[in-house]
Structures are given as C-alpha cells and as structure tokens.
Amino acid sequence: MDEEKKEYVEELAVFWGGFGMPKMQGRVMGALLVADPPQMTAEELAGELRASRGSISSATRALIQLGVVERRTRPGERKDYFQTRTNWSELMHQQIGTYTAFRKIAERGLRIMEGSPPESKRDLEEIHSLYSHLEREMPALIERWERSRKDTR
C-alpha cells in the first residue's frame, strides 16, 4: 500500500473513531475501499495494517454486522475474502427500518408523557418529527439517487 493510501486509511480510522467506533474498524474499511483488487483476505489485511489476526477478525465481524463489509469465498479456496458492500442503496433501505423503530419508541414516550408540560416532551417530539420525516422521505431520496446513478453510467 502506497503512502497516500496509508494516509487515507488512517484518516478513515480517525473519522470512524469520532463516532465512538474502534479505529481498527475504520482502518479495515479504509483498506478495503482502496484495495486493488477490491477484495482482501484477513491475512492480507493484517499484513497491510500491521495488525493481529484477532483484531482483524473482530473488526471484520463488526463491519459485517453493520452491513458495510461482505465476506466472500472463491470456488476451490478455503480463504474468506472481504470487500466493502456492493449495494449501498440496499443498506440505506435497511436503515429505514431503524428510522421506523426510533419513531415508534418516540411515539411510546409521547404517550407516556401525555399531559406533561410541552418542555418535558420537546425532545421526544423533535425525535418523532425527524424520524417520521426520514421514514417518509428516504425511500424517494434513495430512488432518485439510484435513477441518477443509472443515468450517469
């Protein structure tokens, strides 16, 4: 990996860490995003990132759970290959379920707080409003993005 790619990987690690996530997950994500070819084994990741196999295993497992990395196999090989997600709009569609769940939790909170002063319900109302909006608007936004991607290809 050349120096510019190493810097990019570390930049992504710092960005990832800013969200309270382990930097190693960010490093793995960064390495996969600039990998050529776009798939790497755990051994290759460990070598490129100068990390233990255990930390690579933990990071790839977490990234797979988050839905941003996929594990692939090749016919006749025993190794697993990792790559970044190939369908990002699908991930965004899955996120809509999270918006729905958070909206419903906010609704329950609002029912519990019924009759309470407005300032006591302010945050719940804000969450409910935002996540209701995201739940409604995100499918159309993703669809427009998908159309624009097809148009530019």
N, C-alpha and C. Protein backbone atom coordinates (compact mmCIF):
# COMPACT_ATOMS: atom_id res chain seq x y z
N MET A 1 0.86 -1.17 0.00
CA MET A 1 0.00 0.00 0.00
C MET A 1 0.90 1.23 0.00
N ASP A 2 0.65 2.13 -0.94
CA ASP A 2 1.49 3.33 -1.01
C ASP A 2 1.15 4.30 0.12
N GLU A 3 1.99 5.31 0.27
CA GLU A 3 1.86 6.25 1.38
C GLU A 3 0.54 7.01 1.38
N GLU A 4 0.08 7.41 0.20
CA GLU A 4 -1.19 8.14 0.11
C GLU A 4 -2.36 7.28 0.59
N LYS A 5 -2.34 6.01 0.22
CA LYS A 5 -3.40 5.09 0.67
C LYS A 5 -3.32 4.88 2.17
N LYS A 6 -2.11 4.76 2.71
CA LYS A 6 -1.94 4.60 4.16
C LYS A 6 -2.51 5.80 4.90
N GLU A 7 -2.26 6.99 4.38
CA GLU A 7 -2.80 8.21 4.99
C GLU A 7 -4.32 8.21 4.94
N TYR A 8 -4.86 7.76 3.82
CA TYR A 8 -6.31 7.69 3.67
C TYR A 8 -6.90 6.71 4.68
N VAL A 9 -6.28 5.55 4.82
CA VAL A 9 -6.74 4.54 5.77
C VAL A 9 -6.75 5.11 7.18
N GLU A 10 -5.71 5.84 7.53
CA GLU A 10 -5.65 6.42 8.87
C GLU A 10 -6.67 7.55 9.04
N GLU A 11 -6.90 8.32 7.99
CA GLU A 11 -7.92 9.37 8.03
C GLU A 11 -9.30 8.76 8.29
N LEU A 12 -9.58 7.66 7.62
CA LEU A 12 -10.87 6.99 7.83
C LEU A 12 -10.94 6.41 9.24
N ALA A 13 -9.83 5.92 9.76
CA ALA A 13 -9.81 5.38 11.12
C ALA A 13 -10.15 6.48 12.14
N VAL A 14 -9.59 7.65 11.95
CA VAL A 14 -9.87 8.77 12.85
C VAL A 14 -11.33 9.20 12.72
N PHE A 15 -11.82 9.27 11.50
CA PHE A 15 -13.23 9.60 11.25
C PHE A 15 -14.14 8.60 11.96
N TRP A 16 -13.86 7.32 11.78
CA TRP A 16 -14.64 6.23 12.38
C TRP A 16 -14.59 6.34 13.91
N GLY A 17 -13.40 6.59 14.42
CA GLY A 17 -13.23 6.73 15.86
C GLY A 17 -14.02 7.90 16.42
N GLY A 18 -14.22 8.93 15.63
CA GLY A 18 -15.00 10.08 16.05
C GLY A 18 -16.45 9.74 16.36
N PHE A 19 -16.91 8.62 15.87
CA PHE A 19 -18.27 8.15 16.15
C PHE A 19 -18.29 7.15 17.30
N GLY A 20 -17.17 7.03 17.99
CA GLY A 20 -17.09 6.11 19.11
C GLY A 20 -16.84 4.67 18.70
N MET A 21 -16.48 4.47 17.47
CA MET A 21 -16.21 3.12 16.96
C MET A 21 -14.71 2.85 17.04
N PRO A 22 -14.32 1.59 17.14
CA PRO A 22 -12.89 1.27 17.17
C PRO A 22 -12.20 1.71 15.88
N LYS A 23 -11.05 2.32 16.03
CA LYS A 23 -10.30 2.79 14.87
C LYS A 23 -9.92 1.65 13.93
N MET A 24 -9.70 0.46 14.50
CA MET A 24 -9.33 -0.67 13.64
C MET A 24 -10.43 -0.97 12.62
N GLN A 25 -11.68 -0.80 13.01
CA GLN A 25 -12.77 -0.99 12.05
C GLN A 25 -12.64 0.02 10.91
N GLY A 26 -12.32 1.25 11.26
CA GLY A 26 -12.11 2.28 10.24
C GLY A 26 -10.93 1.97 9.34
N ARG A 27 -9.86 1.43 9.93
CA ARG A 27 -8.69 1.06 9.13
C ARG A 27 -9.03 -0.06 8.15
N VAL A 28 -9.76 -1.07 8.64
CA VAL A 28 -10.16 -2.17 7.75
C VAL A 28 -11.04 -1.63 6.63
N MET A 29 -12.01 -0.79 6.99
CA MET A 29 -12.90 -0.21 5.99
C MET A 29 -12.09 0.59 4.97
N GLY A 30 -11.18 1.41 5.46
CA GLY A 30 -10.35 2.21 4.56
C GLY A 30 -9.50 1.35 3.64
N ALA A 31 -8.89 0.31 4.19
CA ALA A 31 -8.05 -0.58 3.38
C ALA A 31 -8.88 -1.25 2.29
N LEU A 32 -10.08 -1.67 2.63
CA LEU A 32 -10.94 -2.32 1.64
C LEU A 32 -11.42 -1.35 0.57
N LEU A 33 -11.66 -0.11 0.97
CA LEU A 33 -12.12 0.88 0.00
C LEU A 33 -11.07 1.22 -1.06
N VAL A 34 -9.80 1.11 -0.70
CA VAL A 34 -8.74 1.44 -1.66
C VAL A 34 -7.99 0.19 -2.14
N ALA A 35 -8.53 -0.98 -1.83
CA ALA A 35 -7.88 -2.24 -2.24
C ALA A 35 -8.00 -2.43 -3.76
N ASP A 36 -6.92 -2.93 -4.34
CA ASP A 36 -6.92 -3.24 -5.77
C ASP A 36 -6.18 -4.55 -5.96
N PRO A 37 -6.87 -5.64 -6.19
CA PRO A 37 -8.31 -5.80 -6.42
C PRO A 37 -9.12 -5.51 -5.16
N PRO A 38 -10.44 -5.34 -5.32
CA PRO A 38 -11.28 -4.86 -4.22
C PRO A 38 -11.61 -5.88 -3.12
N GLN A 39 -10.95 -7.00 -3.10
CA GLN A 39 -11.16 -8.00 -2.05
C GLN A 39 -9.82 -8.30 -1.39
N MET A 40 -9.88 -8.52 -0.06
CA MET A 40 -8.66 -8.87 0.68
C MET A 40 -8.98 -9.98 1.67
N THR A 41 -8.01 -10.83 1.93
CA THR A 41 -8.16 -11.84 2.97
C THR A 41 -7.81 -11.21 4.31
N ALA A 42 -8.14 -11.91 5.37
CA ALA A 42 -7.78 -11.43 6.71
C ALA A 42 -6.26 -11.33 6.85
N GLU A 43 -5.55 -12.28 6.25
CA GLU A 43 -4.09 -12.26 6.32
C GLU A 43 -3.54 -11.03 5.61
N GLU A 44 -4.11 -10.71 4.45
CA GLU A 44 -3.66 -9.53 3.71
C GLU A 44 -3.95 -8.26 4.49
N LEU A 45 -5.14 -8.19 5.08
CA LEU A 45 -5.50 -7.03 5.90
C LEU A 45 -4.53 -6.88 7.07
N ALA A 46 -4.25 -8.00 7.75
CA ALA A 46 -3.34 -7.96 8.89
C ALA A 46 -1.96 -7.47 8.46
N GLY A 47 -1.49 -7.94 7.32
CA GLY A 47 -0.18 -7.51 6.83
C GLY A 47 -0.16 -6.04 6.45
N GLU A 48 -1.16 -5.60 5.71
CA GLU A 48 -1.21 -4.20 5.28
C GLU A 48 -1.36 -3.24 6.46
N LEU A 49 -2.15 -3.64 7.43
CA LEU A 49 -2.45 -2.76 8.55
C LEU A 49 -1.52 -2.99 9.74
N ARG A 50 -0.63 -3.98 9.61
CA ARG A 50 0.29 -4.33 10.70
C ARG A 50 -0.49 -4.54 12.00
N ALA A 51 -1.48 -5.42 11.88
CA ALA A 51 -2.39 -5.70 13.00
C ALA A 51 -2.45 -7.20 13.23
N SER A 52 -2.90 -7.58 14.39
CA SER A 52 -3.04 -9.01 14.69
C SER A 52 -4.24 -9.58 13.96
N ARG A 53 -4.20 -10.88 13.73
CA ARG A 53 -5.34 -11.55 13.10
C ARG A 53 -6.59 -11.41 13.97
N GLY A 54 -6.40 -11.40 15.29
CA GLY A 54 -7.53 -11.26 16.21
C GLY A 54 -8.22 -9.92 16.05
N SER A 55 -7.45 -8.85 15.91
CA SER A 55 -8.07 -7.53 15.75
C SER A 55 -8.74 -7.40 14.39
N ILE A 56 -8.16 -8.03 13.38
CA ILE A 56 -8.78 -8.03 12.04
C ILE A 56 -10.08 -8.82 12.08
N SER A 57 -10.06 -9.95 12.76
CA SER A 57 -11.25 -10.78 12.87
C SER A 57 -12.38 -10.03 13.58
N SER A 58 -12.05 -9.37 14.68
CA SER A 58 -13.06 -8.59 15.41
C SER A 58 -13.60 -7.47 14.56
N ALA A 59 -12.71 -6.77 13.86
CA ALA A 59 -13.14 -5.65 13.03
C ALA A 59 -14.02 -6.10 11.87
N THR A 60 -13.60 -7.16 11.17
CA THR A 60 -14.40 -7.61 10.02
C THR A 60 -15.76 -8.13 10.49
N ARG A 61 -15.78 -8.82 11.61
CA ARG A 61 -17.05 -9.33 12.14
C ARG A 61 -18.01 -8.17 12.44
N ALA A 62 -17.49 -7.12 13.08
CA ALA A 62 -18.32 -5.96 13.41
C ALA A 62 -18.78 -5.23 12.14
N LEU A 63 -17.90 -5.09 11.16
CA LEU A 63 -18.26 -4.41 9.92
C LEU A 63 -19.30 -5.19 9.12
N ILE A 64 -19.21 -6.51 9.19
CA ILE A 64 -20.22 -7.35 8.54
C ILE A 64 -21.57 -7.14 9.23
N GLN A 65 -21.57 -7.12 10.56
CA GLN A 65 -22.81 -6.87 11.31
C GLN A 65 -23.40 -5.51 10.98
N LEU A 66 -22.56 -4.51 10.79
CA LEU A 66 -23.04 -3.17 10.43
C LEU A 66 -23.58 -3.13 9.00
N GLY A 67 -23.21 -4.12 8.22
CA GLY A 67 -23.69 -4.19 6.84
C GLY A 67 -22.84 -3.43 5.84
N VAL A 68 -21.62 -3.04 6.22
CA VAL A 68 -20.78 -2.27 5.31
C VAL A 68 -19.68 -3.10 4.66
N VAL A 69 -19.49 -4.32 5.16
CA VAL A 69 -18.49 -5.24 4.60
C VAL A 69 -19.17 -6.59 4.37
N GLU A 70 -18.74 -7.24 3.30
CA GLU A 70 -19.27 -8.57 2.97
C GLU A 70 -18.13 -9.58 2.96
N ARG A 71 -18.45 -10.80 3.37
CA ARG A 71 -17.49 -11.91 3.33
C ARG A 71 -17.81 -12.71 2.07
N ARG A 72 -16.79 -13.01 1.30
CA ARG A 72 -16.96 -13.77 0.06
C ARG A 72 -16.02 -14.97 0.07
N THR A 73 -16.38 -15.95 -0.68
CA THR A 73 -15.49 -17.10 -0.89
C THR A 73 -15.29 -17.26 -2.39
N ARG A 74 -14.27 -18.00 -2.73
CA ARG A 74 -13.99 -18.30 -4.13
C ARG A 74 -14.02 -19.82 -4.29
N PRO A 75 -14.58 -20.30 -5.38
CA PRO A 75 -14.65 -21.75 -5.60
C PRO A 75 -13.26 -22.39 -5.50
N GLY A 76 -13.20 -23.46 -4.74
CA GLY A 76 -11.97 -24.22 -4.61
C GLY A 76 -10.97 -23.64 -3.61
N GLU A 77 -11.30 -22.54 -2.98
CA GLU A 77 -10.40 -21.93 -1.99
C GLU A 77 -11.04 -21.99 -0.61
N ARG A 78 -10.20 -22.11 0.40
CA ARG A 78 -10.69 -22.15 1.78
C ARG A 78 -10.68 -20.78 2.45
N LYS A 79 -10.04 -19.82 1.81
CA LYS A 79 -9.91 -18.49 2.40
C LYS A 79 -11.21 -17.70 2.25
N ASP A 80 -11.43 -16.83 3.22
CA ASP A 80 -12.51 -15.85 3.12
C ASP A 80 -11.91 -14.56 2.58
N TYR A 81 -12.68 -13.89 1.73
CA TYR A 81 -12.28 -12.59 1.20
C TYR A 81 -13.29 -11.56 1.70
N PHE A 82 -12.79 -10.40 2.00
CA PHE A 82 -13.63 -9.32 2.48
C PHE A 82 -13.63 -8.19 1.47
N GLN A 83 -14.77 -7.57 1.32
CA GLN A 83 -14.88 -6.41 0.44
C GLN A 83 -15.95 -5.49 1.01
N THR A 84 -15.89 -4.24 0.59
CA THR A 84 -16.94 -3.33 1.03
C THR A 84 -18.23 -3.73 0.34
N ARG A 85 -19.30 -3.33 0.93
CA ARG A 85 -20.64 -3.64 0.43
C ARG A 85 -20.74 -3.26 -1.05
N THR A 86 -21.42 -4.09 -1.81
CA THR A 86 -21.56 -3.80 -3.24
C THR A 86 -22.85 -3.06 -3.57
N ASN A 87 -23.80 -3.03 -2.63
CA ASN A 87 -25.07 -2.35 -2.89
C ASN A 87 -25.38 -1.41 -1.72
N TRP A 88 -24.91 -0.19 -1.83
CA TRP A 88 -25.06 0.77 -0.73
C TRP A 88 -26.48 1.25 -0.58
N SER A 89 -27.24 1.32 -1.66
CA SER A 89 -28.63 1.78 -1.54
C SER A 89 -29.45 0.76 -0.75
N GLU A 90 -29.11 -0.52 -0.86
CA GLU A 90 -29.80 -1.54 -0.07
C GLU A 90 -29.59 -1.30 1.43
N LEU A 91 -28.38 -0.91 1.80
CA LEU A 91 -28.10 -0.58 3.20
C LEU A 91 -28.97 0.59 3.65
N MET A 92 -29.11 1.58 2.80
CA MET A 92 -29.94 2.73 3.15
C MET A 92 -31.41 2.32 3.29
N HIS A 93 -31.87 1.42 2.45
CA HIS A 93 -33.24 0.91 2.60
C HIS A 93 -33.40 0.19 3.94
N GLN A 94 -32.38 -0.55 4.35
CA GLN A 94 -32.44 -1.23 5.65
C GLN A 94 -32.47 -0.22 6.79
N GLN A 95 -31.79 0.91 6.62
CA GLN A 95 -31.78 1.95 7.65
C GLN A 95 -33.17 2.50 7.91
N ILE A 96 -34.04 2.44 6.91
CA ILE A 96 -35.40 2.95 7.08
C ILE A 96 -36.09 2.21 8.22
N GLY A 97 -35.80 0.94 8.37
CA GLY A 97 -36.35 0.17 9.49
C GLY A 97 -35.90 0.73 10.83
N THR A 98 -34.68 1.24 10.89
CA THR A 98 -34.18 1.87 12.11
C THR A 98 -34.94 3.15 12.38
N TYR A 99 -35.20 3.92 11.32
CA TYR A 99 -35.98 5.16 11.49
C TYR A 99 -37.37 4.84 12.02
N THR A 100 -37.98 3.79 11.47
CA THR A 100 -39.32 3.40 11.91
C THR A 100 -39.30 3.00 13.38
N ALA A 101 -38.31 2.21 13.77
CA ALA A 101 -38.22 1.75 15.16
C ALA A 101 -38.04 2.92 16.11
N PHE A 102 -37.19 3.87 15.76
CA PHE A 102 -36.95 5.02 16.64
C PHE A 102 -38.20 5.91 16.71
N ARG A 103 -38.89 6.06 15.59
CA ARG A 103 -40.14 6.83 15.59
C ARG A 103 -41.16 6.19 16.53
N LYS A 104 -41.27 4.87 16.47
CA LYS A 104 -42.22 4.17 17.34
C LYS A 104 -41.85 4.30 18.81
N ILE A 105 -40.57 4.27 19.11
CA ILE A 105 -40.13 4.45 20.50
C ILE A 105 -40.47 5.86 20.97
N ALA A 106 -40.27 6.83 20.09
CA ALA A 106 -40.62 8.21 20.44
C ALA A 106 -42.13 8.34 20.66
N GLU A 107 -42.92 7.67 19.81
CA GLU A 107 -44.38 7.70 19.98
C GLU A 107 -44.78 7.14 21.33
N ARG A 108 -44.16 6.05 21.72
CA ARG A 108 -44.47 5.45 23.02
C ARG A 108 -44.11 6.43 24.14
N GLY A 109 -42.97 7.08 24.01
CA GLY A 109 -42.57 8.07 25.00
C GLY A 109 -43.56 9.22 25.08
N LEU A 110 -44.05 9.65 23.92
CA LEU A 110 -45.04 10.73 23.90
C LEU A 110 -46.35 10.31 24.56
N ARG A 111 -46.74 9.05 24.36
CA ARG A 111 -47.95 8.55 25.03
C ARG A 111 -47.76 8.55 26.55
N ILE A 112 -46.58 8.13 26.97
CA ILE A 112 -46.28 8.10 28.40
C ILE A 112 -46.29 9.52 28.98
N MET A 113 -45.82 10.47 28.18
CA MET A 113 -45.70 11.85 28.64
C MET A 113 -46.95 12.69 28.38
N GLU A 114 -48.01 12.06 27.88
CA GLU A 114 -49.25 12.79 27.60
C GLU A 114 -49.69 13.55 28.85
N GLY A 115 -50.05 14.79 28.67
CA GLY A 115 -50.46 15.62 29.79
C GLY A 115 -49.32 16.34 30.48
N SER A 116 -48.08 16.01 30.12
CA SER A 116 -46.91 16.68 30.71
C SER A 116 -46.70 18.03 30.03
N PRO A 117 -45.99 18.92 30.68
CA PRO A 117 -45.71 20.24 30.08
C PRO A 117 -44.95 20.09 28.76
N PRO A 118 -45.18 21.00 27.81
CA PRO A 118 -44.53 20.92 26.49
C PRO A 118 -43.01 20.81 26.57
N GLU A 119 -42.39 21.54 27.50
CA GLU A 119 -40.91 21.49 27.57
C GLU A 119 -40.41 20.11 27.98
N SER A 120 -41.23 19.34 28.67
CA SER A 120 -40.84 17.98 29.07
C SER A 120 -40.91 17.01 27.90
N LYS A 121 -41.69 17.35 26.88
CA LYS A 121 -41.88 16.47 25.73
C LYS A 121 -41.11 16.94 24.50
N ARG A 122 -40.41 18.06 24.62
CA ARG A 122 -39.77 18.70 23.47
C ARG A 122 -38.85 17.74 22.70
N ASP A 123 -37.96 17.06 23.40
CA ASP A 123 -37.02 16.17 22.71
C ASP A 123 -37.73 15.00 22.05
N LEU A 124 -38.70 14.42 22.72
CA LEU A 124 -39.45 13.31 22.13
C LEU A 124 -40.21 13.77 20.88
N GLU A 125 -40.77 14.96 20.93
CA GLU A 125 -41.49 15.48 19.77
C GLU A 125 -40.54 15.73 18.61
N GLU A 126 -39.36 16.24 18.93
CA GLU A 126 -38.35 16.50 17.89
C GLU A 126 -37.90 15.19 17.25
N ILE A 127 -37.60 14.20 18.06
CA ILE A 127 -37.19 12.88 17.55
C ILE A 127 -38.30 12.30 16.68
N HIS A 128 -39.52 12.35 17.18
CA HIS A 128 -40.66 11.80 16.43
C HIS A 128 -40.81 12.51 15.09
N SER A 129 -40.73 13.83 15.10
CA SER A 129 -40.87 14.60 13.87
C SER A 129 -39.77 14.27 12.88
N LEU A 130 -38.53 14.27 13.33
CA LEU A 130 -37.40 14.00 12.44
C LEU A 130 -37.48 12.59 11.85
N TYR A 131 -37.68 11.59 12.69
CA TYR A 131 -37.66 10.22 12.20
C TYR A 131 -38.90 9.88 11.38
N SER A 132 -40.01 10.54 11.63
CA SER A 132 -41.19 10.39 10.77
C SER A 132 -40.86 10.94 9.38
N HIS A 133 -40.20 12.09 9.37
CA HIS A 133 -39.81 12.72 8.11
C HIS A 133 -38.83 11.82 7.34
N LEU A 134 -37.80 11.32 8.02
CA LEU A 134 -36.82 10.46 7.36
C LEU A 134 -37.48 9.19 6.83
N GLU A 135 -38.36 8.63 7.61
CA GLU A 135 -39.06 7.40 7.22
C GLU A 135 -39.87 7.64 5.94
N ARG A 136 -40.50 8.80 5.83
CA ARG A 136 -41.30 9.14 4.64
C ARG A 136 -40.44 9.49 3.44
N GLU A 137 -39.40 10.27 3.66
CA GLU A 137 -38.64 10.85 2.56
C GLU A 137 -37.49 9.98 2.04
N MET A 138 -36.92 9.16 2.89
CA MET A 138 -35.73 8.41 2.50
C MET A 138 -35.97 7.49 1.30
N PRO A 139 -37.08 6.75 1.21
CA PRO A 139 -37.26 5.89 0.03
C PRO A 139 -37.21 6.68 -1.28
N ALA A 140 -37.84 7.84 -1.32
CA ALA A 140 -37.82 8.65 -2.54
C ALA A 140 -36.42 9.19 -2.82
N LEU A 141 -35.71 9.58 -1.79
CA LEU A 141 -34.34 10.08 -1.95
C LEU A 141 -33.44 8.99 -2.52
N ILE A 142 -33.54 7.80 -1.98
CA ILE A 142 -32.73 6.67 -2.47
C ILE A 142 -33.09 6.37 -3.92
N GLU A 143 -34.37 6.38 -4.22
CA GLU A 143 -34.83 6.09 -5.58
C GLU A 143 -34.27 7.13 -6.57
N ARG A 144 -34.31 8.41 -6.18
CA ARG A 144 -33.74 9.46 -7.06
C ARG A 144 -32.25 9.24 -7.26
N TRP A 145 -31.54 8.87 -6.20
CA TRP A 145 -30.11 8.62 -6.31
C TRP A 145 -29.85 7.45 -7.26
N GLU A 146 -30.63 6.37 -7.08
CA GLU A 146 -30.46 5.19 -7.94
C GLU A 146 -30.70 5.55 -9.41
N ARG A 147 -31.73 6.37 -9.69
CA ARG A 147 -32.00 6.80 -11.06
C ARG A 147 -30.85 7.64 -11.60
N SER A 148 -30.33 8.54 -10.78
CA SER A 148 -29.23 9.39 -11.25
C SER A 148 -27.99 8.56 -11.52
N ARG A 149 -27.75 7.52 -10.74
CA ARG A 149 -26.61 6.64 -10.97
C ARG A 149 -26.75 5.91 -12.30
N LYS A 150 -27.98 5.44 -12.57
CA LYS A 150 -28.21 4.75 -13.85
C LYS A 150 -28.02 5.70 -15.02
N ASP A 151 -28.46 6.93 -14.86
CA ASP A 151 -28.35 7.94 -15.93
C ASP A 151 -26.90 8.30 -16.23
N THR A 152 -26.03 8.25 -15.22
CA THR A 152 -24.63 8.65 -15.42
C THR A 152 -23.77 7.49 -15.89
N ARG A 153 -24.29 6.29 -15.92
CA ARG A 153 -23.48 5.14 -16.35
C ARG A 153 -23.52 4.95 -17.83
